[in-house]
Amino acid sequence: MPMAYPAAHGWTIIKSLTFDIRSGELYRLYDLFKPDTNYMQILSDLISVQIKVRNMSLISPYPGIKLLNQDYYIADKALVIYYQLVEFTAYAYGFPVFPISVYEIEGLIKPGTPLDKMAVT
């Protein structure tokens, strides 16, 4: 459910898209993983650990990955899951960003996807 927060300043969002430049195929998060894996729960658990290790202050409980099209990008041999402002952290915290090494999740990755190509050593 979208939430609105009154503010005296502009509201910033970030969005990213992952395409195969040869085929033009757009990859949503669910396209990157084998269908028989519980990737949403596994990624959520890895993020929960990062929240605890980083001692992040939350304004509401971390909801986990609930959407098939969760925001993400791929960089530096990592899947980076991110959330918008005030989804579960204070505005002052900025955008919560959680890098997950492709090597931590390589057994879940669907072959031939951009994430799979990042896992090549």
PDB file of N, CA and C in Angstrom:
ATOM      1  N   MET A   1       0.832  -1.160   0.000  1.00  0.00           N
ATOM      2  CA  MET A   1       0.000   0.000   0.000  1.00  0.00           C
ATOM      3  C   MET A   1       0.889   1.239   0.000  1.00  0.00           C
ATOM      4  N   PRO A   2       0.740   2.124  -0.977  1.00  0.00           N
ATOM      5  CA  PRO A   2       1.548   3.343  -1.002  1.00  0.00           C
ATOM      6  C   PRO A   2       1.240   4.224   0.197  1.00  0.00           C
ATOM      7  N   MET A   3       2.258   4.872   0.685  1.00  0.00           N
ATOM      8  CA  MET A   3       2.077   5.776   1.812  1.00  0.00           C
ATOM      9  C   MET A   3       2.539   7.166   1.400  1.00  0.00           C
ATOM     10  N   ALA A   4       1.895   8.170   1.904  1.00  0.00           N
ATOM     11  CA  ALA A   4       2.280   9.545   1.615  1.00  0.00           C
ATOM     12  C   ALA A   4       2.747  10.202   2.907  1.00  0.00           C
ATOM     13  N   TYR A   5       3.799  10.964   2.819  1.00  0.00           N
ATOM     14  CA  TYR A   5       4.326  11.674   3.958  1.00  0.00           C
ATOM     15  C   TYR A   5       4.482  13.139   3.569  1.00  0.00           C
ATOM     16  N   PRO A   6       3.857  14.044   4.308  1.00  0.00           N
ATOM     17  CA  PRO A   6       4.023  15.458   3.983  1.00  0.00           C
ATOM     18  C   PRO A   6       5.460  15.874   4.274  1.00  0.00           C
ATOM     19  N   ALA A   7       5.998  16.682   3.414  1.00  0.00           N
ATOM     20  CA  ALA A   7       7.380  17.127   3.599  1.00  0.00           C
ATOM     21  C   ALA A   7       7.535  18.528   3.039  1.00  0.00           C
ATOM     22  N   ALA A   8       8.475  19.238   3.596  1.00  0.00           N
ATOM     23  CA  ALA A   8       8.747  20.598   3.145  1.00  0.00           C
ATOM     24  C   ALA A   8       9.741  20.607   1.992  1.00  0.00           C
ATOM     25  N   HIS A   9      10.136  19.464   1.535  1.00  0.00           N
ATOM     26  CA  HIS A   9      11.123  19.357   0.462  1.00  0.00           C
ATOM     27  C   HIS A   9      10.618  18.355  -0.562  1.00  0.00           C
ATOM     28  N   GLY A  10      11.318  18.261  -1.664  1.00  0.00           N
ATOM     29  CA  GLY A  10      10.933  17.318  -2.706  1.00  0.00           C
ATOM     30  C   GLY A  10      11.084  15.880  -2.240  1.00  0.00           C
ATOM     31  N   TRP A  11      10.516  14.980  -2.999  1.00  0.00           N
ATOM     32  CA  TRP A  11      10.566  13.553  -2.661  1.00  0.00           C
ATOM     33  C   TRP A  11      11.322  12.846  -3.766  1.00  0.00           C
ATOM     34  N   THR A  12      12.337  12.118  -3.413  1.00  0.00           N
ATOM     35  CA  THR A  12      13.175  11.426  -4.380  1.00  0.00           C
ATOM     36  C   THR A  12      12.869   9.937  -4.352  1.00  0.00           C
ATOM     37  N   ILE A  13      12.823   9.345  -5.527  1.00  0.00           N
ATOM     38  CA  ILE A  13      12.750   7.890  -5.625  1.00  0.00           C
ATOM     39  C   ILE A  13      13.887   7.450  -6.536  1.00  0.00           C
ATOM     40  N   ILE A  14      14.280   6.205  -6.405  1.00  0.00           N
ATOM     41  CA  ILE A  14      15.262   5.651  -7.341  1.00  0.00           C
ATOM     42  C   ILE A  14      14.660   4.397  -7.961  1.00  0.00           C
ATOM     43  N   LYS A  15      14.961   4.208  -9.216  1.00  0.00           N
ATOM     44  CA  LYS A  15      14.525   3.026  -9.954  1.00  0.00           C
ATOM     45  C   LYS A  15      15.675   2.582 -10.834  1.00  0.00           C
ATOM     46  N   SER A  16      15.748   1.298 -11.049  1.00  0.00           N
ATOM     47  CA  SER A  16      16.789   0.758 -11.910  1.00  0.00           C
ATOM     48  C   SER A  16      16.168  -0.312 -12.796  1.00  0.00           C
ATOM     49  N   LEU A  17      16.775  -0.500 -13.947  1.00  0.00           N
ATOM     50  CA  LEU A  17      16.319  -1.505 -14.899  1.00  0.00           C
ATOM     51  C   LEU A  17      17.519  -2.336 -15.326  1.00  0.00           C
ATOM     52  N   THR A  18      17.311  -3.636 -15.481  1.00  0.00           N
ATOM     53  CA  THR A  18      18.375  -4.523 -15.942  1.00  0.00           C
ATOM     54  C   THR A  18      17.925  -5.161 -17.244  1.00  0.00           C
ATOM     55  N   PHE A  19      18.677  -4.900 -18.299  1.00  0.00           N
ATOM     56  CA  PHE A  19      18.366  -5.416 -19.629  1.00  0.00           C
ATOM     57  C   PHE A  19      19.512  -6.267 -20.145  1.00  0.00           C
ATOM     58  N   ASP A  20      19.191  -7.229 -20.990  1.00  0.00           N
ATOM     59  CA  ASP A  20      20.187  -7.912 -21.801  1.00  0.00           C
ATOM     60  C   ASP A  20      20.335  -7.039 -23.040  1.00  0.00           C
ATOM     61  N   ILE A  21      21.499  -6.468 -23.249  1.00  0.00           N
ATOM     62  CA  ILE A  21      21.653  -5.523 -24.363  1.00  0.00           C
ATOM     63  C   ILE A  21      21.584  -6.189 -25.728  1.00  0.00           C
ATOM     64  N   ARG A  22      21.797  -7.487 -25.773  1.00  0.00           N
ATOM     65  CA  ARG A  22      21.696  -8.191 -27.069  1.00  0.00           C
ATOM     66  C   ARG A  22      20.251  -8.491 -27.439  1.00  0.00           C
ATOM     67  N   SER A  23      19.483  -8.992 -26.477  1.00  0.00           N
ATOM     68  CA  SER A  23      18.098  -9.386 -26.777  1.00  0.00           C
ATOM     69  C   SER A  23      17.088  -8.294 -26.455  1.00  0.00           C
ATOM     70  N   GLY A  24      17.474  -7.355 -25.605  1.00  0.00           N
ATOM     71  CA  GLY A  24      16.549  -6.319 -25.170  1.00  0.00           C
ATOM     72  C   GLY A  24      15.632  -6.783 -24.050  1.00  0.00           C
ATOM     73  N   GLU A  25      15.849  -8.000 -23.535  1.00  0.00           N
ATOM     74  CA  GLU A  25      14.988  -8.541 -22.489  1.00  0.00           C
ATOM     75  C   GLU A  25      15.189  -7.787 -21.174  1.00  0.00           C
ATOM     76  N   LEU A  26      14.067  -7.414 -20.566  1.00  0.00           N
ATOM     77  CA  LEU A  26      14.079  -6.776 -19.248  1.00  0.00           C
ATOM     78  C   LEU A  26      14.034  -7.867 -18.188  1.00  0.00           C
ATOM     79  N   TYR A  27      14.912  -7.784 -17.190  1.00  0.00           N
ATOM     80  CA  TYR A  27      14.972  -8.770 -16.118  1.00  0.00           C
ATOM     81  C   TYR A  27      14.428  -8.169 -14.826  1.00  0.00           C
ATOM     82  N   ARG A  28      13.350  -8.741 -14.344  1.00  0.00           N
ATOM     83  CA  ARG A  28      12.858  -8.413 -13.016  1.00  0.00           C
ATOM     84  C   ARG A  28      13.568  -9.346 -12.039  1.00  0.00           C
ATOM     85  N   LEU A  29      13.455  -9.070 -10.767  1.00  0.00           N
ATOM     86  CA  LEU A  29      14.182  -9.875  -9.787  1.00  0.00           C
ATOM     87  C   LEU A  29      13.862 -11.359  -9.936  1.00  0.00           C
ATOM     88  N   TYR A  30      12.599 -11.685 -10.104  1.00  0.00           N
ATOM     89  CA  TYR A  30      12.220 -13.103 -10.198  1.00  0.00           C
ATOM     90  C   TYR A  30      12.785 -13.791 -11.433  1.00  0.00           C
ATOM     91  N   ASP A  31      13.145 -13.041 -12.462  1.00  0.00           N
ATOM     92  CA  ASP A  31      13.735 -13.624 -13.666  1.00  0.00           C
ATOM     93  C   ASP A  31      15.168 -14.119 -13.441  1.00  0.00           C
ATOM     94  N   LEU A  32      15.806 -13.658 -12.383  1.00  0.00           N
ATOM     95  CA  LEU A  32      17.209 -13.980 -12.128  1.00  0.00           C
ATOM     96  C   LEU A  32      17.421 -15.301 -11.396  1.00  0.00           C
ATOM     97  N   PHE A  33      16.339 -15.871 -10.865  1.00  0.00           N
ATOM     98  CA  PHE A  33      16.481 -17.036  -9.999  1.00  0.00           C
ATOM     99  C   PHE A  33      15.746 -18.240 -10.545  1.00  0.00           C
ATOM    100  N   LYS A  34      16.272 -19.399 -10.213  1.00  0.00           N
ATOM    101  CA  LYS A  34      15.625 -20.650 -10.596  1.00  0.00           C
ATOM    102  C   LYS A  34      14.237 -20.688  -9.946  1.00  0.00           C
ATOM    103  N   PRO A  35      13.232 -21.144 -10.694  1.00  0.00           N
ATOM    104  CA  PRO A  35      11.864 -21.103 -10.166  1.00  0.00           C
ATOM    105  C   PRO A  35      11.618 -22.012  -8.959  1.00  0.00           C
ATOM    106  N   ASP A  36      12.415 -23.036  -8.785  1.00  0.00           N
ATOM    107  CA  ASP A  36      12.183 -23.971  -7.675  1.00  0.00           C
ATOM    108  C   ASP A  36      12.931 -23.593  -6.404  1.00  0.00           C
ATOM    109  N   THR A  37      13.444 -22.379  -6.336  1.00  0.00           N
ATOM    110  CA  THR A  37      14.171 -21.934  -5.141  1.00  0.00           C
ATOM    111  C   THR A  37      13.291 -21.013  -4.311  1.00  0.00           C
ATOM    112  N   ASN A  38      13.620 -20.899  -3.076  1.00  0.00           N
ATOM    113  CA  ASN A  38      12.928 -19.994  -2.162  1.00  0.00           C
ATOM    114  C   ASN A  38      13.749 -18.706  -2.051  1.00  0.00           C
ATOM    115  N   TYR A  39      14.095 -18.137  -3.206  1.00  0.00           N
ATOM    116  CA  TYR A  39      15.023 -17.004  -3.235  1.00  0.00           C
ATOM    117  C   TYR A  39      14.519 -15.798  -2.446  1.00  0.00           C
ATOM    118  N   MET A  40      13.210 -15.529  -2.449  1.00  0.00           N
ATOM    119  CA  MET A  40      12.693 -14.351  -1.740  1.00  0.00           C
ATOM    120  C   MET A  40      12.964 -14.460  -0.239  1.00  0.00           C
ATOM    121  N   GLN A  41      12.749 -15.620   0.333  1.00  0.00           N
ATOM    122  CA  GLN A  41      12.994 -15.808   1.764  1.00  0.00           C
ATOM    123  C   GLN A  41      14.492 -15.784   2.065  1.00  0.00           C
ATOM    124  N   ILE A  42      15.279 -16.420   1.205  1.00  0.00           N
ATOM    125  CA  ILE A  42      16.729 -16.451   1.421  1.00  0.00           C
ATOM    126  C   ILE A  42      17.317 -15.047   1.355  1.00  0.00           C
ATOM    127  N   LEU A  43      16.929 -14.267   0.344  1.00  0.00           N
ATOM    128  CA  LEU A  43      17.416 -12.882   0.243  1.00  0.00           C
ATOM    129  C   LEU A  43      16.942 -12.052   1.432  1.00  0.00           C
ATOM    130  N   SER A  44      15.684 -12.237   1.827  1.00  0.00           N
ATOM    131  CA  SER A  44      15.150 -11.505   2.986  1.00  0.00           C
ATOM    132  C   SER A  44      15.957 -11.825   4.245  1.00  0.00           C
ATOM    133  N   ASP A  45      16.294 -13.094   4.426  1.00  0.00           N
ATOM    134  CA  ASP A  45      17.086 -13.494   5.592  1.00  0.00           C
ATOM    135  C   ASP A  45      18.475 -12.867   5.558  1.00  0.00           C
ATOM    136  N   LEU A  46      19.106 -12.836   4.377  1.00  0.00           N
ATOM    137  CA  LEU A  46      20.434 -12.205   4.253  1.00  0.00           C
ATOM    138  C   LEU A  46      20.364 -10.713   4.566  1.00  0.00           C
ATOM    139  N   ILE A  47      19.297 -10.067   4.143  1.00  0.00           N
ATOM    140  CA  ILE A  47      19.121  -8.640   4.430  1.00  0.00           C
ATOM    141  C   ILE A  47      18.858  -8.430   5.916  1.00  0.00           C
ATOM    142  N   SER A  48      18.068  -9.283   6.524  1.00  0.00           N
ATOM    143  CA  SER A  48      17.814  -9.175   7.971  1.00  0.00           C
ATOM    144  C   SER A  48      19.114  -9.242   8.764  1.00  0.00           C
ATOM    145  N   VAL A  49      20.019 -10.107   8.343  1.00  0.00           N
ATOM    146  CA  VAL A  49      21.327 -10.201   9.001  1.00  0.00           C
ATOM    147  C   VAL A  49      22.082  -8.882   8.846  1.00  0.00           C
ATOM    148  N   GLN A  50      22.074  -8.312   7.641  1.00  0.00           N
ATOM    149  CA  GLN A  50      22.758  -7.027   7.428  1.00  0.00           C
ATOM    150  C   GLN A  50      22.161  -5.927   8.302  1.00  0.00           C
ATOM    151  N   ILE A  51      20.850  -5.918   8.436  1.00  0.00           N
ATOM    152  CA  ILE A  51      20.195  -4.909   9.281  1.00  0.00           C
ATOM    153  C   ILE A  51      20.699  -5.015  10.718  1.00  0.00           C
ATOM    154  N   LYS A  52      20.804  -6.236  11.221  1.00  0.00           N
ATOM    155  CA  LYS A  52      21.285  -6.445  12.590  1.00  0.00           C
ATOM    156  C   LYS A  52      22.758  -6.080  12.724  1.00  0.00           C
ATOM    157  N   VAL A  53      23.590  -6.543  11.795  1.00  0.00           N
ATOM    158  CA  VAL A  53      25.031  -6.274  11.849  1.00  0.00           C
ATOM    159  C   VAL A  53      25.309  -4.772  11.761  1.00  0.00           C
ATOM    160  N   ARG A  54      24.547  -4.078  10.927  1.00  0.00           N
ATOM    161  CA  ARG A  54      24.735  -2.634  10.752  1.00  0.00           C
ATOM    162  C   ARG A  54      24.000  -1.817  11.807  1.00  0.00           C
ATOM    163  N   ASN A  55      23.294  -2.507  12.706  1.00  0.00           N
ATOM    164  CA  ASN A  55      22.569  -1.851  13.794  1.00  0.00           C
ATOM    165  C   ASN A  55      21.676  -0.722  13.272  1.00  0.00           C
ATOM    166  N   MET A  56      20.920  -1.035  12.238  1.00  0.00           N
ATOM    167  CA  MET A  56      20.057  -0.033  11.607  1.00  0.00           C
ATOM    168  C   MET A  56      18.820   0.221  12.464  1.00  0.00           C
ATOM    169  N   SER A  57      18.484   1.483  12.604  1.00  0.00           N
ATOM    170  CA  SER A  57      17.260   1.869  13.304  1.00  0.00           C
ATOM    171  C   SER A  57      16.100   1.786  12.324  1.00  0.00           C
ATOM    172  N   LEU A  58      15.028   1.142  12.735  1.00  0.00           N
ATOM    173  CA  LEU A  58      13.874   0.958  11.862  1.00  0.00           C
ATOM    174  C   LEU A  58      12.666   1.707  12.418  1.00  0.00           C
ATOM    175  N   ILE A  59      11.849   2.258  11.515  1.00  0.00           N
ATOM    176  CA  ILE A  59      10.605   2.902  11.943  1.00  0.00           C
ATOM    177  C   ILE A  59       9.438   1.920  11.889  1.00  0.00           C
ATOM    178  N   SER A  60       9.649   0.811  11.221  1.00  0.00           N
ATOM    179  CA  SER A  60       8.686  -0.290  11.199  1.00  0.00           C
ATOM    180  C   SER A  60       9.481  -1.558  10.932  1.00  0.00           C
ATOM    181  N   PRO A  61       8.914  -2.713  11.246  1.00  0.00           N
ATOM    182  CA  PRO A  61       9.669  -3.955  11.036  1.00  0.00           C
ATOM    183  C   PRO A  61      10.041  -4.153   9.567  1.00  0.00           C
ATOM    184  N   TYR A  62      11.207  -4.732   9.342  1.00  0.00           N
ATOM    185  CA  TYR A  62      11.629  -5.041   7.974  1.00  0.00           C
ATOM    186  C   TYR A  62      10.632  -6.027   7.378  1.00  0.00           C
ATOM    187  N   PRO A  63      10.014  -5.683   6.236  1.00  0.00           N
ATOM    188  CA  PRO A  63       8.971  -6.535   5.671  1.00  0.00           C
ATOM    189  C   PRO A  63       9.487  -7.727   4.877  1.00  0.00           C
ATOM    190  N   GLY A  64      10.784  -7.750   4.580  1.00  0.00           N
ATOM    191  CA  GLY A  64      11.310  -8.793   3.709  1.00  0.00           C
ATOM    192  C   GLY A  64      10.957  -8.483   2.263  1.00  0.00           C
ATOM    193  N   ILE A  65      11.394  -9.329   1.379  1.00  0.00           N
ATOM    194  CA  ILE A  65      11.070  -9.161  -0.045  1.00  0.00           C
ATOM    195  C   ILE A  65       9.704  -9.785  -0.250  1.00  0.00           C
ATOM    196  N   LYS A  66       8.748  -8.950  -0.606  1.00  0.00           N
ATOM    197  CA  LYS A  66       7.377  -9.414  -0.798  1.00  0.00           C
ATOM    198  C   LYS A  66       6.938  -9.322  -2.254  1.00  0.00           C
ATOM    199  N   LEU A  67       7.647  -8.536  -3.031  1.00  0.00           N
ATOM    200  CA  LEU A  67       7.244  -8.301  -4.413  1.00  0.00           C
ATOM    201  C   LEU A  67       8.133  -9.070  -5.378  1.00  0.00           C
ATOM    202  N   LEU A  68       7.522  -9.610  -6.409  1.00  0.00           N
ATOM    203  CA  LEU A  68       8.310 -10.293  -7.441  1.00  0.00           C
ATOM    204  C   LEU A  68       9.202  -9.312  -8.190  1.00  0.00           C
ATOM    205  N   ASN A  69       8.802  -8.052  -8.212  1.00  0.00           N
ATOM    206  CA  ASN A  69       9.574  -7.042  -8.933  1.00  0.00           C
ATOM    207  C   ASN A  69      10.293  -6.092  -7.966  1.00  0.00           C
ATOM    208  N   GLN A  70      10.782  -6.624  -6.861  1.00  0.00           N
ATOM    209  CA  GLN A  70      11.547  -5.848  -5.882  1.00  0.00           C
ATOM    210  C   GLN A  70      12.639  -5.045  -6.591  1.00  0.00           C
ATOM    211  N   ASP A  71      12.868  -3.812  -6.132  1.00  0.00           N
ATOM    212  CA  ASP A  71      13.926  -2.975  -6.710  1.00  0.00           C
ATOM    213  C   ASP A  71      15.297  -3.592  -6.448  1.00  0.00           C
ATOM    214  N   TYR A  72      16.135  -3.583  -7.483  1.00  0.00           N
ATOM    215  CA  TYR A  72      17.486  -4.130  -7.370  1.00  0.00           C
ATOM    216  C   TYR A  72      18.341  -3.572  -8.501  1.00  0.00           C
ATOM    217  N   TYR A  73      19.639  -3.752  -8.353  1.00  0.00           N
ATOM    218  CA  TYR A  73      20.569  -3.579  -9.467  1.00  0.00           C
ATOM    219  C   TYR A  73      21.733  -4.534  -9.242  1.00  0.00           C
ATOM    220  N   ILE A  74      22.537  -4.688 -10.253  1.00  0.00           N
ATOM    221  CA  ILE A  74      23.679  -5.598 -10.197  1.00  0.00           C
ATOM    222  C   ILE A  74      24.941  -4.762 -10.372  1.00  0.00           C
ATOM    223  N   ALA A  75      25.902  -4.955  -9.458  1.00  0.00           N
ATOM    224  CA  ALA A  75      27.151  -4.197  -9.541  1.00  0.00           C
ATOM    225  C   ALA A  75      28.244  -4.920  -8.770  1.00  0.00           C
ATOM    226  N   ASP A  76      29.434  -4.888  -9.295  1.00  0.00           N
ATOM    227  CA  ASP A  76      30.612  -5.386  -8.575  1.00  0.00           C
ATOM    228  C   ASP A  76      30.415  -6.780  -7.986  1.00  0.00           C
ATOM    229  N   LYS A  77      29.933  -7.710  -8.827  1.00  0.00           N
ATOM    230  CA  LYS A  77      29.728  -9.105  -8.414  1.00  0.00           C
ATOM    231  C   LYS A  77      28.765  -9.210  -7.232  1.00  0.00           C
ATOM    232  N   ALA A  78      27.788  -8.308  -7.222  1.00  0.00           N
ATOM    233  CA  ALA A  78      26.791  -8.316  -6.149  1.00  0.00           C
ATOM    234  C   ALA A  78      25.411  -8.005  -6.713  1.00  0.00           C
ATOM    235  N   LEU A  79      24.432  -8.612  -6.093  1.00  0.00           N
ATOM    236  CA  LEU A  79      23.041  -8.236  -6.292  1.00  0.00           C
ATOM    237  C   LEU A  79      22.768  -7.210  -5.207  1.00  0.00           C
ATOM    238  N   VAL A  80      22.303  -6.045  -5.594  1.00  0.00           N
ATOM    239  CA  VAL A  80      22.038  -4.987  -4.621  1.00  0.00           C
ATOM    240  C   VAL A  80      20.525  -4.782  -4.540  1.00  0.00           C
ATOM    241  N   ILE A  81      19.960  -5.142  -3.404  1.00  0.00           N
ATOM    242  CA  ILE A  81      18.538  -4.937  -3.146  1.00  0.00           C
ATOM    243  C   ILE A  81      18.419  -3.592  -2.444  1.00  0.00           C
ATOM    244  N   TYR A  82      17.484  -2.767  -2.896  1.00  0.00           N
ATOM    245  CA  TYR A  82      17.294  -1.480  -2.232  1.00  0.00           C
ATOM    246  C   TYR A  82      15.817  -1.187  -2.060  1.00  0.00           C
ATOM    247  N   TYR A  83      15.558  -0.281  -1.149  1.00  0.00           N
ATOM    248  CA  TYR A  83      14.203   0.125  -0.820  1.00  0.00           C
ATOM    249  C   TYR A  83      14.095   1.637  -0.945  1.00  0.00           C
ATOM    250  N   GLN A  84      12.890   2.106  -1.077  1.00  0.00           N
ATOM    251  CA  GLN A  84      12.651   3.536  -1.185  1.00  0.00           C
ATOM    252  C   GLN A  84      12.711   4.185   0.198  1.00  0.00           C
ATOM    253  N   LEU A  85      12.741   5.502   0.195  1.00  0.00           N
ATOM    254  CA  LEU A  85      12.759   6.257   1.440  1.00  0.00           C
ATOM    255  C   LEU A  85      11.564   5.882   2.308  1.00  0.00           C
ATOM    256  N   VAL A  86      11.771   5.847   3.584  1.00  0.00           N
ATOM    257  CA  VAL A  86      10.804   5.601   4.650  1.00  0.00           C
ATOM    258  C   VAL A  86       9.974   4.327   4.507  1.00  0.00           C
ATOM    259  N   GLU A  87      10.449   3.350   3.732  1.00  0.00           N
ATOM    260  CA  GLU A  87       9.718   2.074   3.694  1.00  0.00           C
ATOM    261  C   GLU A  87       9.788   1.399   5.060  1.00  0.00           C
ATOM    262  N   PHE A  88      10.950   1.457   5.689  1.00  0.00           N
ATOM    263  CA  PHE A  88      11.077   0.917   7.038  1.00  0.00           C
ATOM    264  C   PHE A  88      12.195   1.582   7.832  1.00  0.00           C
ATOM    265  N   THR A  89      12.827   2.597   7.236  1.00  0.00           N
ATOM    266  CA  THR A  89      13.841   3.394   7.935  1.00  0.00           C
ATOM    267  C   THR A  89      13.432   4.859   7.874  1.00  0.00           C
ATOM    268  N   ALA A  90      13.978   5.657   8.770  1.00  0.00           N
ATOM    269  CA  ALA A  90      13.675   7.089   8.787  1.00  0.00           C
ATOM    270  C   ALA A  90      14.194   7.768   7.520  1.00  0.00           C
ATOM    271  N   TYR A  91      13.538   8.845   7.127  1.00  0.00           N
ATOM    272  CA  TYR A  91      13.925   9.604   5.934  1.00  0.00           C
ATOM    273  C   TYR A  91      15.405   9.993   5.991  1.00  0.00           C
ATOM    274  N   ALA A  92      15.859  10.414   7.145  1.00  0.00           N
ATOM    275  CA  ALA A  92      17.245  10.866   7.290  1.00  0.00           C
ATOM    276  C   ALA A  92      18.250   9.752   6.995  1.00  0.00           C
ATOM    277  N   TYR A  93      17.816   8.509   7.082  1.00  0.00           N
ATOM    278  CA  TYR A  93      18.713   7.379   6.828  1.00  0.00           C
ATOM    279  C   TYR A  93      19.039   7.248   5.348  1.00  0.00           C
ATOM    280  N   GLY A  94      18.165   7.754   4.483  1.00  0.00           N
ATOM    281  CA  GLY A  94      18.371   7.629   3.043  1.00  0.00           C
ATOM    282  C   GLY A  94      17.782   6.332   2.514  1.00  0.00           C
ATOM    283  N   PHE A  95      18.255   5.905   1.365  1.00  0.00           N
ATOM    284  CA  PHE A  95      17.770   4.678   0.736  1.00  0.00           C
ATOM    285  C   PHE A  95      18.484   3.471   1.336  1.00  0.00           C
ATOM    286  N   PRO A  96      17.766   2.542   1.946  1.00  0.00           N
ATOM    287  CA  PRO A  96      18.420   1.349   2.459  1.00  0.00           C
ATOM    288  C   PRO A  96      18.903   0.463   1.302  1.00  0.00           C
ATOM    289  N   VAL A  97      20.188   0.181   1.301  1.00  0.00           N
ATOM    290  CA  VAL A  97      20.831  -0.574   0.218  1.00  0.00           C
ATOM    291  C   VAL A  97      21.540  -1.781   0.828  1.00  0.00           C
ATOM    292  N   PHE A  98      21.310  -2.961   0.209  1.00  0.00           N
ATOM    293  CA  PHE A  98      21.848  -4.200   0.752  1.00  0.00           C
ATOM    294  C   PHE A  98      22.552  -5.004  -0.334  1.00  0.00           C
ATOM    295  N   PRO A  99      23.881  -4.910  -0.409  1.00  0.00           N
ATOM    296  CA  PRO A  99      24.618  -5.727  -1.383  1.00  0.00           C
ATOM    297  C   PRO A  99      24.729  -7.174  -0.911  1.00  0.00           C
ATOM    298  N   ILE A 100      24.489  -8.094  -1.833  1.00  0.00           N
ATOM    299  CA  ILE A 100      24.599  -9.521  -1.546  1.00  0.00           C
ATOM    300  C   ILE A 100      25.524 -10.122  -2.598  1.00  0.00           C
ATOM    301  N   SER A 101      26.619 -10.689  -2.161  1.00  0.00           N
ATOM    302  CA  SER A 101      27.591 -11.275  -3.083  1.00  0.00           C
ATOM    303  C   SER A 101      26.934 -12.373  -3.916  1.00  0.00           C
ATOM    304  N   VAL A 102      27.242 -12.390  -5.210  1.00  0.00           N
ATOM    305  CA  VAL A 102      26.699 -13.444  -6.068  1.00  0.00           C
ATOM    306  C   VAL A 102      27.178 -14.820  -5.604  1.00  0.00           C
ATOM    307  N   TYR A 103      28.310 -14.870  -4.922  1.00  0.00           N
ATOM    308  CA  TYR A 103      28.839 -16.149  -4.462  1.00  0.00           C
ATOM    309  C   TYR A 103      28.037 -16.715  -3.286  1.00  0.00           C
ATOM    310  N   GLU A 104      27.341 -15.853  -2.546  1.00  0.00           N
ATOM    311  CA  GLU A 104      26.477 -16.310  -1.454  1.00  0.00           C
ATOM    312  C   GLU A 104      25.205 -16.972  -1.977  1.00  0.00           C
ATOM    313  N   ILE A 105      24.817 -16.614  -3.187  1.00  0.00           N
ATOM    314  CA  ILE A 105      23.525 -17.069  -3.710  1.00  0.00           C
ATOM    315  C   ILE A 105      23.642 -17.803  -5.040  1.00  0.00           C
ATOM    316  N   GLU A 106      24.853 -18.175  -5.436  1.00  0.00           N
ATOM    317  CA  GLU A 106      25.044 -18.723  -6.774  1.00  0.00           C
ATOM    318  C   GLU A 106      24.238 -19.978  -7.051  1.00  0.00           C
ATOM    319  N   GLY A 107      23.900 -20.763  -6.032  1.00  0.00           N
ATOM    320  CA  GLY A 107      23.089 -21.955  -6.243  1.00  0.00           C
ATOM    321  C   GLY A 107      21.635 -21.646  -6.600  1.00  0.00           C
ATOM    322  N   LEU A 108      21.219 -20.419  -6.370  1.00  0.00           N
ATOM    323  CA  LEU A 108      19.843 -19.992  -6.657  1.00  0.00           C
ATOM    324  C   LEU A 108      19.690 -19.347  -8.026  1.00  0.00           C
ATOM    325  N   ILE A 109      20.807 -18.913  -8.598  1.00  0.00           N
ATOM    326  CA  ILE A 109      20.785 -18.082  -9.803  1.00  0.00           C
ATOM    327  C   ILE A 109      20.433 -18.901 -11.040  1.00  0.00           C
ATOM    328  N   LYS A 110      19.528 -18.350 -11.823  1.00  0.00           N
ATOM    329  CA  LYS A 110      19.121 -18.995 -13.079  1.00  0.00           C
ATOM    330  C   LYS A 110      20.241 -18.823 -14.104  1.00  0.00           C
ATOM    331  N   PRO A 111      20.672 -19.909 -14.745  1.00  0.00           N
ATOM    332  CA  PRO A 111      21.732 -19.827 -15.751  1.00  0.00           C
ATOM    333  C   PRO A 111      21.341 -18.906 -16.916  1.00  0.00           C
ATOM    334  N   GLY A 112      22.344 -18.198 -17.425  1.00  0.00           N
ATOM    335  CA  GLY A 112      22.149 -17.339 -18.585  1.00  0.00           C
ATOM    336  C   GLY A 112      21.647 -15.947 -18.291  1.00  0.00           C
ATOM    337  N   THR A 113      21.355 -15.650 -17.039  1.00  0.00           N
ATOM    338  CA  THR A 113      20.867 -14.317 -16.682  1.00  0.00           C
ATOM    339  C   THR A 113      22.037 -13.371 -16.431  1.00  0.00           C
ATOM    340  N   PRO A 114      21.776 -12.071 -16.413  1.00  0.00           N
ATOM    341  CA  PRO A 114      22.873 -11.139 -16.116  1.00  0.00           C
ATOM    342  C   PRO A 114      23.534 -11.413 -14.762  1.00  0.00           C
ATOM    343  N   LEU A 115      22.772 -11.847 -13.786  1.00  0.00           N
ATOM    344  CA  LEU A 115      23.357 -12.168 -12.482  1.00  0.00           C
ATOM    345  C   LEU A 115      24.285 -13.369 -12.584  1.00  0.00           C
ATOM    346  N   ASP A 116      23.915 -14.345 -13.397  1.00  0.00           N
ATOM    347  CA  ASP A 116      24.742 -15.525 -13.622  1.00  0.00           C
ATOM    348  C   ASP A 116      26.073 -15.113 -14.263  1.00  0.00           C
ATOM    349  N   LYS A 117      26.017 -14.177 -15.167  1.00  0.00           N
ATOM    350  CA  LYS A 117      27.240 -13.721 -15.844  1.00  0.00           C
ATOM    351  C   LYS A 117      28.175 -13.024 -14.859  1.00  0.00           C
ATOM    352  N   MET A 118      27.618 -12.378 -13.829  1.00  0.00           N
ATOM    353  CA  MET A 118      28.439 -11.717 -12.807  1.00  0.00           C
ATOM    354  C   MET A 118      29.136 -12.731 -11.905  1.00  0.00           C
ATOM    355  N   ALA A 119      28.549 -13.933 -11.777  1.00  0.00           N
ATOM    356  CA  ALA A 119      29.106 -14.948 -10.889  1.00  0.00           C
ATOM    357  C   ALA A 119      30.320 -15.652 -11.477  1.00  0.00           C
ATOM    358  N   VAL A 120      30.587 -15.419 -12.756  1.00  0.00           N
ATOM    359  CA  VAL A 120      31.745 -16.044 -13.399  1.00  0.00           C
ATOM    360  C   VAL A 120      33.015 -15.434 -12.800  1.00  0.00           C
ATOM    361  N   THR A 121      33.915 -16.312 -12.362  1.00  0.00           N
ATOM    362  CA  THR A 121      35.152 -15.814 -11.744  1.00  0.00           C
ATOM    363  C   THR A 121      36.214 -15.524 -12.762  1.00  0.00           C
TER     364      THR A 121
END
